[in-house]
């Protein structure tokens, strides 16, 4: 009887998380859509004034809204094949450092953070480069979002006998009590204390991708000195 009660409780908790996710998803999708709509309406009103000073700002705001909307939709689209176990990996050989550099390009161009890549920069792996790229981008986005007071992003590549390890240090620490849930579907750290955008799918999707590659993903908490997100890929 105890086992049945436990299963029911877990199911109820899952349904609650799912309902919360749908509410969050609705809000998160509406925000960039409403912003984009407002920008386009203002641009429409200025169509006969092509040199108006507000136009560049409105175009920039529209671009940001589209970028955010694309990111959210991509997460939703990626969730379905992962949940159904239908994700297909197209593996090729690539240099890890080159892939990391590509992932960091947008952050470098924005000038918001200084990005460094160190360690075994010549190592190559055979993996699905696009999906590993997505994992790195998810981790970088978390670095920018949750450790906003730090302007340094450092990715470290370590080569071992049978696998490589890629790690990203966070200045902000992750609470130990939430550590076991970070890679669960619909979970968002700090969602009660701070208002962060996103659907809470990034780390779950990343964990599924790494698992399908035969690797591991995790976070190491350094008490009083931030946290390190890391993942491994077999050689």
Foldseek 3Di string as FASTA:
>chain_A
DVVVVVVVVVVVVVVVLVVVLVVQLVVLLVVLVVLLVVLVVVCVVCVVPVPDPCNVVSVVSNVVSVVSNVVQVVLVVLVVCLVVVNDDWDWDKDFPLVLLCVLCVVVVVVVQADEEEDEPRRDIDITRSVLVSLLSNLVVVCQCFVQVVHRYWYWYWYDDDWKIKIKIWHQDFFDPVCFVPLQPPSDDGCVVVDPDHDSSRSSVSSQSRLVVQVKGWGKATDVPGGIMTMMMGTD
